[in-house]
N, C-alpha and C. Protein backbone atom coordinates (compact mmCIF):
# COMPACT_ATOMS: atom_id res chain seq x y z
N UNK A 1 -104.74 53.84 -77.06
CA UNK A 1 -103.94 53.58 -75.87
C UNK A 1 -102.80 52.63 -76.21
N UNK A 2 -103.12 51.46 -76.72
CA UNK A 2 -102.09 50.52 -77.14
C UNK A 2 -102.13 50.44 -78.66
N UNK A 3 -100.99 50.58 -79.29
CA UNK A 3 -100.97 50.59 -80.74
C UNK A 3 -100.81 49.19 -81.30
N UNK A 4 -101.13 49.06 -82.59
CA UNK A 4 -100.94 47.78 -83.25
C UNK A 4 -99.48 47.38 -83.15
N UNK A 5 -99.27 46.11 -82.96
CA UNK A 5 -97.91 45.61 -82.79
C UNK A 5 -97.63 45.19 -81.36
N UNK A 6 -98.47 45.62 -80.43
CA UNK A 6 -98.26 45.23 -79.03
C UNK A 6 -99.19 44.07 -78.68
N UNK A 7 -98.73 43.24 -77.77
CA UNK A 7 -99.54 42.11 -77.32
C UNK A 7 -100.84 42.60 -76.68
N UNK A 8 -100.75 43.68 -75.91
CA UNK A 8 -101.94 44.19 -75.23
C UNK A 8 -103.01 44.65 -76.20
N UNK A 9 -102.61 45.18 -77.35
CA UNK A 9 -103.59 45.58 -78.36
C UNK A 9 -104.39 44.37 -78.81
N UNK A 10 -103.68 43.30 -79.13
CA UNK A 10 -104.34 42.08 -79.60
C UNK A 10 -105.23 41.47 -78.52
N UNK A 11 -104.74 41.44 -77.29
CA UNK A 11 -105.49 40.82 -76.19
C UNK A 11 -106.73 41.62 -75.84
N UNK A 12 -106.58 42.91 -75.64
CA UNK A 12 -107.71 43.73 -75.19
C UNK A 12 -108.76 43.97 -76.27
N UNK A 13 -108.36 43.91 -77.53
CA UNK A 13 -109.31 44.10 -78.63
C UNK A 13 -109.76 42.79 -79.25
N UNK A 14 -109.28 41.68 -78.72
CA UNK A 14 -109.61 40.35 -79.25
C UNK A 14 -109.34 40.27 -80.75
N UNK A 15 -108.14 40.66 -81.13
CA UNK A 15 -107.73 40.64 -82.53
C UNK A 15 -106.72 39.52 -82.76
N UNK A 16 -106.57 39.16 -84.03
CA UNK A 16 -105.60 38.13 -84.41
C UNK A 16 -104.22 38.54 -83.93
N UNK A 17 -103.49 37.67 -83.25
CA UNK A 17 -102.18 38.04 -82.74
C UNK A 17 -101.13 38.23 -83.84
N UNK A 18 -101.37 37.70 -85.02
CA UNK A 18 -100.38 37.78 -86.10
C UNK A 18 -100.52 39.07 -86.91
N UNK A 19 -101.76 39.45 -87.28
CA UNK A 19 -101.94 40.64 -88.13
C UNK A 19 -102.64 41.80 -87.42
N UNK A 20 -103.24 41.55 -86.28
CA UNK A 20 -103.97 42.54 -85.49
C UNK A 20 -105.13 43.16 -86.26
N UNK A 21 -105.66 42.43 -87.25
CA UNK A 21 -106.78 42.95 -88.02
C UNK A 21 -108.02 42.08 -87.89
N UNK A 22 -107.87 40.77 -88.01
CA UNK A 22 -109.02 39.87 -87.94
C UNK A 22 -109.51 39.69 -86.51
N UNK A 23 -110.80 39.47 -86.37
CA UNK A 23 -111.39 39.24 -85.05
C UNK A 23 -111.08 37.83 -84.57
N UNK A 24 -110.76 37.71 -83.29
CA UNK A 24 -110.45 36.42 -82.69
C UNK A 24 -111.72 35.60 -82.44
N UNK A 25 -112.84 36.28 -82.21
CA UNK A 25 -114.11 35.61 -81.93
C UNK A 25 -115.15 35.99 -82.98
N UNK A 26 -116.06 35.08 -83.25
CA UNK A 26 -117.06 35.28 -84.30
C UNK A 26 -118.09 36.35 -83.95
N UNK A 27 -118.43 36.47 -82.68
CA UNK A 27 -119.46 37.42 -82.25
C UNK A 27 -118.88 38.38 -81.23
N UNK A 28 -119.23 39.65 -81.38
CA UNK A 28 -118.76 40.66 -80.43
C UNK A 28 -119.74 40.73 -79.25
N UNK A 29 -119.28 41.31 -78.18
CA UNK A 29 -120.17 41.52 -77.04
C UNK A 29 -120.18 40.36 -76.06
N UNK A 30 -121.11 40.45 -75.14
CA UNK A 30 -121.19 39.51 -74.03
C UNK A 30 -122.32 38.51 -74.23
N UNK A 31 -122.48 37.99 -75.40
CA UNK A 31 -123.52 37.00 -75.65
C UNK A 31 -123.24 35.74 -74.83
N UNK A 32 -124.22 35.31 -74.06
CA UNK A 32 -124.02 34.11 -73.23
C UNK A 32 -124.23 32.82 -74.01
N UNK A 33 -124.68 32.92 -75.26
CA UNK A 33 -124.89 31.71 -76.05
C UNK A 33 -123.83 31.52 -77.13
N UNK A 34 -123.20 32.61 -77.56
CA UNK A 34 -122.24 32.52 -78.67
C UNK A 34 -120.86 33.04 -78.31
N UNK A 35 -120.58 33.22 -77.04
CA UNK A 35 -119.32 33.84 -76.63
C UNK A 35 -118.09 33.00 -76.96
N UNK A 36 -118.24 31.70 -77.11
CA UNK A 36 -117.07 30.84 -77.31
C UNK A 36 -116.77 30.54 -78.78
N UNK A 37 -117.61 31.00 -79.68
CA UNK A 37 -117.42 30.67 -81.09
C UNK A 37 -116.26 31.47 -81.69
N UNK A 38 -115.32 30.72 -82.25
CA UNK A 38 -114.15 31.32 -82.90
C UNK A 38 -114.09 30.81 -84.34
N UNK A 39 -113.68 31.67 -85.27
CA UNK A 39 -113.45 31.15 -86.61
C UNK A 39 -112.26 30.19 -86.60
N UNK A 40 -112.20 29.31 -87.57
CA UNK A 40 -111.09 28.36 -87.64
C UNK A 40 -109.78 29.07 -87.94
N UNK A 41 -109.85 30.11 -88.77
CA UNK A 41 -108.66 30.87 -89.17
C UNK A 41 -108.99 32.36 -89.16
N UNK A 42 -107.95 33.16 -89.13
CA UNK A 42 -108.12 34.61 -89.25
C UNK A 42 -108.62 34.91 -90.66
N UNK A 43 -109.67 35.72 -90.79
CA UNK A 43 -110.18 36.03 -92.13
C UNK A 43 -109.22 36.91 -92.94
N UNK A 44 -108.25 37.52 -92.30
CA UNK A 44 -107.33 38.42 -93.00
C UNK A 44 -106.02 37.74 -93.39
N UNK A 45 -105.32 37.16 -92.43
CA UNK A 45 -103.99 36.57 -92.71
C UNK A 45 -104.01 35.05 -92.74
N UNK A 46 -105.14 34.45 -92.44
CA UNK A 46 -105.33 32.99 -92.46
C UNK A 46 -104.51 32.24 -91.41
N UNK A 47 -104.16 32.92 -90.33
CA UNK A 47 -103.50 32.28 -89.20
C UNK A 47 -104.49 31.33 -88.54
N UNK A 48 -104.08 30.11 -88.28
CA UNK A 48 -104.95 29.15 -87.61
C UNK A 48 -105.14 29.58 -86.15
N UNK A 49 -106.38 29.59 -85.70
CA UNK A 49 -106.66 29.95 -84.32
C UNK A 49 -106.58 28.75 -83.39
N UNK A 50 -106.41 27.57 -83.94
CA UNK A 50 -106.17 26.38 -83.12
C UNK A 50 -105.02 25.61 -83.77
N UNK A 51 -103.78 26.02 -83.47
CA UNK A 51 -102.62 25.43 -84.13
C UNK A 51 -102.50 23.92 -83.97
N UNK A 52 -103.02 23.38 -82.89
CA UNK A 52 -102.98 21.93 -82.67
C UNK A 52 -104.18 21.53 -81.83
N UNK A 53 -104.57 20.26 -81.90
CA UNK A 53 -105.72 19.81 -81.10
C UNK A 53 -105.47 20.02 -79.60
N UNK A 54 -106.46 20.52 -78.91
CA UNK A 54 -106.34 20.75 -77.47
C UNK A 54 -105.48 21.95 -77.12
N UNK A 55 -105.26 22.83 -78.07
CA UNK A 55 -104.37 23.98 -77.86
C UNK A 55 -104.81 24.83 -76.67
N UNK A 56 -106.10 25.02 -76.50
CA UNK A 56 -106.58 25.95 -75.47
C UNK A 56 -106.72 25.33 -74.08
N UNK A 57 -106.28 24.10 -73.89
CA UNK A 57 -106.29 23.55 -72.53
C UNK A 57 -105.41 24.39 -71.60
N UNK A 58 -104.34 24.92 -72.11
CA UNK A 58 -103.46 25.77 -71.31
C UNK A 58 -104.11 27.07 -70.89
N UNK A 59 -105.14 27.50 -71.63
CA UNK A 59 -105.83 28.73 -71.29
C UNK A 59 -106.56 28.61 -69.95
N UNK A 60 -106.77 27.37 -69.51
CA UNK A 60 -107.40 27.18 -68.20
C UNK A 60 -106.54 27.77 -67.09
N UNK A 61 -105.23 27.68 -67.23
CA UNK A 61 -104.34 28.24 -66.21
C UNK A 61 -104.43 29.76 -66.19
N UNK A 62 -104.56 30.37 -67.35
CA UNK A 62 -104.76 31.82 -67.42
C UNK A 62 -106.09 32.16 -66.77
N UNK A 63 -107.10 31.34 -67.03
CA UNK A 63 -108.42 31.54 -66.44
C UNK A 63 -108.36 31.47 -64.92
N UNK A 64 -107.57 30.56 -64.39
CA UNK A 64 -107.41 30.47 -62.93
C UNK A 64 -106.85 31.78 -62.38
N UNK A 65 -105.88 32.35 -63.06
CA UNK A 65 -105.29 33.62 -62.62
C UNK A 65 -106.30 34.75 -62.63
N UNK A 66 -107.07 34.85 -63.71
CA UNK A 66 -108.10 35.89 -63.81
C UNK A 66 -109.16 35.69 -62.73
N UNK A 67 -109.57 34.45 -62.52
CA UNK A 67 -110.57 34.15 -61.50
C UNK A 67 -110.06 34.50 -60.10
N UNK A 68 -108.79 34.22 -59.85
CA UNK A 68 -108.20 34.57 -58.55
C UNK A 68 -108.20 36.08 -58.35
N UNK A 69 -107.88 36.84 -59.39
CA UNK A 69 -107.91 38.30 -59.29
C UNK A 69 -109.32 38.79 -58.99
N UNK A 70 -110.31 38.19 -59.63
CA UNK A 70 -111.71 38.56 -59.37
C UNK A 70 -112.09 38.19 -57.94
N UNK A 71 -111.66 37.03 -57.47
CA UNK A 71 -111.94 36.59 -56.11
C UNK A 71 -111.40 37.60 -55.10
N UNK A 72 -110.18 38.05 -55.29
CA UNK A 72 -109.58 39.03 -54.38
C UNK A 72 -110.35 40.35 -54.45
N UNK A 73 -110.72 40.78 -55.65
CA UNK A 73 -111.46 42.03 -55.80
C UNK A 73 -112.82 41.96 -55.11
N UNK A 74 -113.51 40.83 -55.23
CA UNK A 74 -114.81 40.67 -54.56
C UNK A 74 -114.63 40.69 -53.05
N UNK A 75 -113.62 40.02 -52.55
CA UNK A 75 -113.37 40.00 -51.11
C UNK A 75 -113.06 41.40 -50.58
N UNK A 76 -112.24 42.14 -51.29
CA UNK A 76 -111.92 43.51 -50.87
C UNK A 76 -113.17 44.39 -50.91
N UNK A 77 -113.96 44.27 -51.97
CA UNK A 77 -115.19 45.07 -52.08
C UNK A 77 -116.16 44.74 -50.95
N UNK A 78 -116.31 43.47 -50.63
CA UNK A 78 -117.21 43.10 -49.53
C UNK A 78 -116.70 43.64 -48.20
N UNK A 79 -115.40 43.60 -47.99
CA UNK A 79 -114.84 44.12 -46.74
C UNK A 79 -115.01 45.64 -46.64
N UNK A 80 -115.00 46.33 -47.76
CA UNK A 80 -115.18 47.78 -47.75
C UNK A 80 -116.64 48.14 -47.48
N UNK A 81 -117.58 47.41 -48.09
CA UNK A 81 -118.99 47.78 -48.01
C UNK A 81 -119.77 47.13 -46.87
N UNK A 82 -119.28 46.04 -46.33
CA UNK A 82 -119.99 45.36 -45.25
C UNK A 82 -119.13 45.36 -43.98
N UNK A 83 -119.81 45.47 -42.85
CA UNK A 83 -119.08 45.43 -41.58
C UNK A 83 -118.55 44.04 -41.28
N UNK A 84 -119.38 43.05 -41.55
CA UNK A 84 -118.98 41.67 -41.28
C UNK A 84 -119.27 40.83 -42.52
N UNK A 85 -118.24 40.20 -43.05
CA UNK A 85 -118.40 39.38 -44.25
C UNK A 85 -118.54 37.92 -43.82
N UNK A 86 -119.71 37.37 -44.07
CA UNK A 86 -119.93 35.96 -43.74
C UNK A 86 -119.58 35.11 -44.97
N UNK A 87 -119.43 33.84 -44.73
CA UNK A 87 -119.10 32.92 -45.83
C UNK A 87 -120.23 32.90 -46.86
N UNK A 88 -121.47 33.00 -46.39
CA UNK A 88 -122.62 33.01 -47.31
C UNK A 88 -122.58 34.23 -48.23
N UNK A 89 -122.29 35.40 -47.66
CA UNK A 89 -122.19 36.61 -48.48
C UNK A 89 -121.05 36.48 -49.49
N UNK A 90 -119.93 35.99 -49.01
CA UNK A 90 -118.76 35.86 -49.88
C UNK A 90 -119.03 34.90 -51.03
N UNK A 91 -119.55 33.72 -50.73
CA UNK A 91 -119.82 32.73 -51.78
C UNK A 91 -120.91 33.20 -52.75
N UNK A 92 -121.92 33.85 -52.21
CA UNK A 92 -122.99 34.38 -53.07
C UNK A 92 -122.49 35.46 -54.01
N UNK A 93 -121.74 36.40 -53.46
CA UNK A 93 -121.21 37.50 -54.28
C UNK A 93 -120.20 36.98 -55.30
N UNK A 94 -119.36 36.05 -54.88
CA UNK A 94 -118.37 35.49 -55.80
C UNK A 94 -119.04 34.70 -56.92
N UNK A 95 -120.02 33.89 -56.57
CA UNK A 95 -120.73 33.10 -57.59
C UNK A 95 -121.43 34.00 -58.60
N UNK A 96 -122.11 35.02 -58.11
CA UNK A 96 -122.81 35.94 -59.01
C UNK A 96 -121.82 36.68 -59.92
N UNK A 97 -120.71 37.11 -59.36
CA UNK A 97 -119.71 37.83 -60.14
C UNK A 97 -119.09 36.93 -61.20
N UNK A 98 -118.75 35.70 -60.83
CA UNK A 98 -118.14 34.79 -61.80
C UNK A 98 -119.11 34.40 -62.91
N UNK A 99 -120.39 34.22 -62.57
CA UNK A 99 -121.39 33.93 -63.60
C UNK A 99 -121.55 35.12 -64.55
N UNK A 100 -121.54 36.31 -64.00
CA UNK A 100 -121.67 37.51 -64.81
C UNK A 100 -120.48 37.69 -65.75
N UNK A 101 -119.28 37.44 -65.24
CA UNK A 101 -118.06 37.68 -66.01
C UNK A 101 -117.54 36.46 -66.76
N UNK A 102 -118.29 35.37 -66.79
CA UNK A 102 -117.81 34.15 -67.44
C UNK A 102 -117.40 34.35 -68.90
N UNK A 103 -118.21 35.03 -69.73
CA UNK A 103 -117.76 35.24 -71.12
C UNK A 103 -116.46 36.04 -71.20
N UNK A 104 -116.32 37.05 -70.34
CA UNK A 104 -115.09 37.84 -70.32
C UNK A 104 -113.89 36.99 -69.94
N UNK A 105 -114.02 36.18 -68.90
CA UNK A 105 -112.92 35.32 -68.44
C UNK A 105 -112.53 34.34 -69.53
N UNK A 106 -113.51 33.73 -70.17
CA UNK A 106 -113.26 32.75 -71.23
C UNK A 106 -112.50 33.39 -72.38
N UNK A 107 -113.01 34.51 -72.87
CA UNK A 107 -112.38 35.17 -74.02
C UNK A 107 -111.00 35.72 -73.68
N UNK A 108 -110.89 36.33 -72.52
CA UNK A 108 -109.60 36.92 -72.15
C UNK A 108 -108.54 35.84 -71.99
N UNK A 109 -108.88 34.72 -71.39
CA UNK A 109 -107.89 33.66 -71.19
C UNK A 109 -107.45 33.07 -72.53
N UNK A 110 -108.36 32.93 -73.48
CA UNK A 110 -107.97 32.43 -74.80
C UNK A 110 -107.12 33.44 -75.55
N UNK A 111 -107.46 34.72 -75.44
CA UNK A 111 -106.68 35.76 -76.12
C UNK A 111 -105.26 35.82 -75.56
N UNK A 112 -105.13 35.74 -74.25
CA UNK A 112 -103.80 35.74 -73.63
C UNK A 112 -103.02 34.51 -74.06
N UNK A 113 -103.67 33.35 -74.05
CA UNK A 113 -102.98 32.10 -74.36
C UNK A 113 -102.44 32.08 -75.79
N UNK A 114 -103.26 32.46 -76.76
CA UNK A 114 -102.78 32.42 -78.14
C UNK A 114 -101.68 33.46 -78.37
N UNK A 115 -101.70 34.55 -77.61
CA UNK A 115 -100.66 35.56 -77.75
C UNK A 115 -99.32 35.11 -77.17
N UNK A 116 -99.32 34.09 -76.33
CA UNK A 116 -98.05 33.52 -75.87
C UNK A 116 -97.30 32.86 -77.02
N UNK A 117 -98.02 32.32 -77.98
CA UNK A 117 -97.41 31.47 -79.00
C UNK A 117 -97.39 32.07 -80.40
N UNK A 118 -98.30 32.98 -80.70
CA UNK A 118 -98.35 33.60 -82.03
C UNK A 118 -97.97 35.06 -81.85
N UNK A 119 -97.01 35.52 -82.66
CA UNK A 119 -96.47 36.87 -82.49
C UNK A 119 -96.84 37.75 -83.69
N UNK A 120 -96.89 39.03 -83.44
CA UNK A 120 -97.22 40.01 -84.47
C UNK A 120 -96.16 39.99 -85.57
N UNK A 121 -96.62 40.03 -86.81
CA UNK A 121 -95.73 40.05 -87.96
C UNK A 121 -96.10 41.25 -88.82
N UNK A 122 -95.26 42.27 -88.79
CA UNK A 122 -95.56 43.52 -89.48
C UNK A 122 -95.68 43.33 -90.99
N UNK A 123 -94.83 42.45 -91.56
CA UNK A 123 -94.88 42.22 -93.00
C UNK A 123 -96.22 41.60 -93.40
N UNK A 124 -96.68 40.65 -92.62
CA UNK A 124 -97.98 40.01 -92.91
C UNK A 124 -99.10 41.03 -92.76
N UNK A 125 -99.02 41.87 -91.74
CA UNK A 125 -100.06 42.87 -91.50
C UNK A 125 -100.12 43.88 -92.63
N UNK A 126 -98.97 44.25 -93.20
CA UNK A 126 -98.95 45.22 -94.30
C UNK A 126 -99.47 44.61 -95.60
N UNK A 127 -99.22 43.32 -95.80
CA UNK A 127 -99.69 42.65 -97.02
C UNK A 127 -101.19 42.39 -96.99
N UNK A 128 -101.73 42.24 -95.80
CA UNK A 128 -103.13 41.85 -95.65
C UNK A 128 -104.03 43.07 -95.66
N UNK A 129 -105.09 42.97 -96.40
CA UNK A 129 -106.10 44.03 -96.37
C UNK A 129 -107.41 43.39 -95.95
N UNK A 130 -107.93 43.87 -94.87
CA UNK A 130 -109.14 43.27 -94.34
C UNK A 130 -110.16 44.33 -94.02
């Protein structure tokens, strides 16, 4: 769908934004115990995944956006399936959804954030074999 060289390829596949070959996270899948583990550098092109201390604090703002989108989706779904949406139903459904999608939100916000600052480099990608 999205080819190498596009930001969306790197973000949706959790790949290194510089070479699009190395994995951004150490473990694949939705592990609730290891979802946040990232290698220090890309195993292919050696791009640092934390260019400076506290780099991912900005990813919290991306996380707020993703969480807001989920909040709206939950509210719309509840309005479609229930005749009357009470605050208890809304908070319960939202809490359960956010707990379920927490690893996704965390990883997606970090992938988006690093892609703001690190760009694809075709020459590096061609030189690297991974």
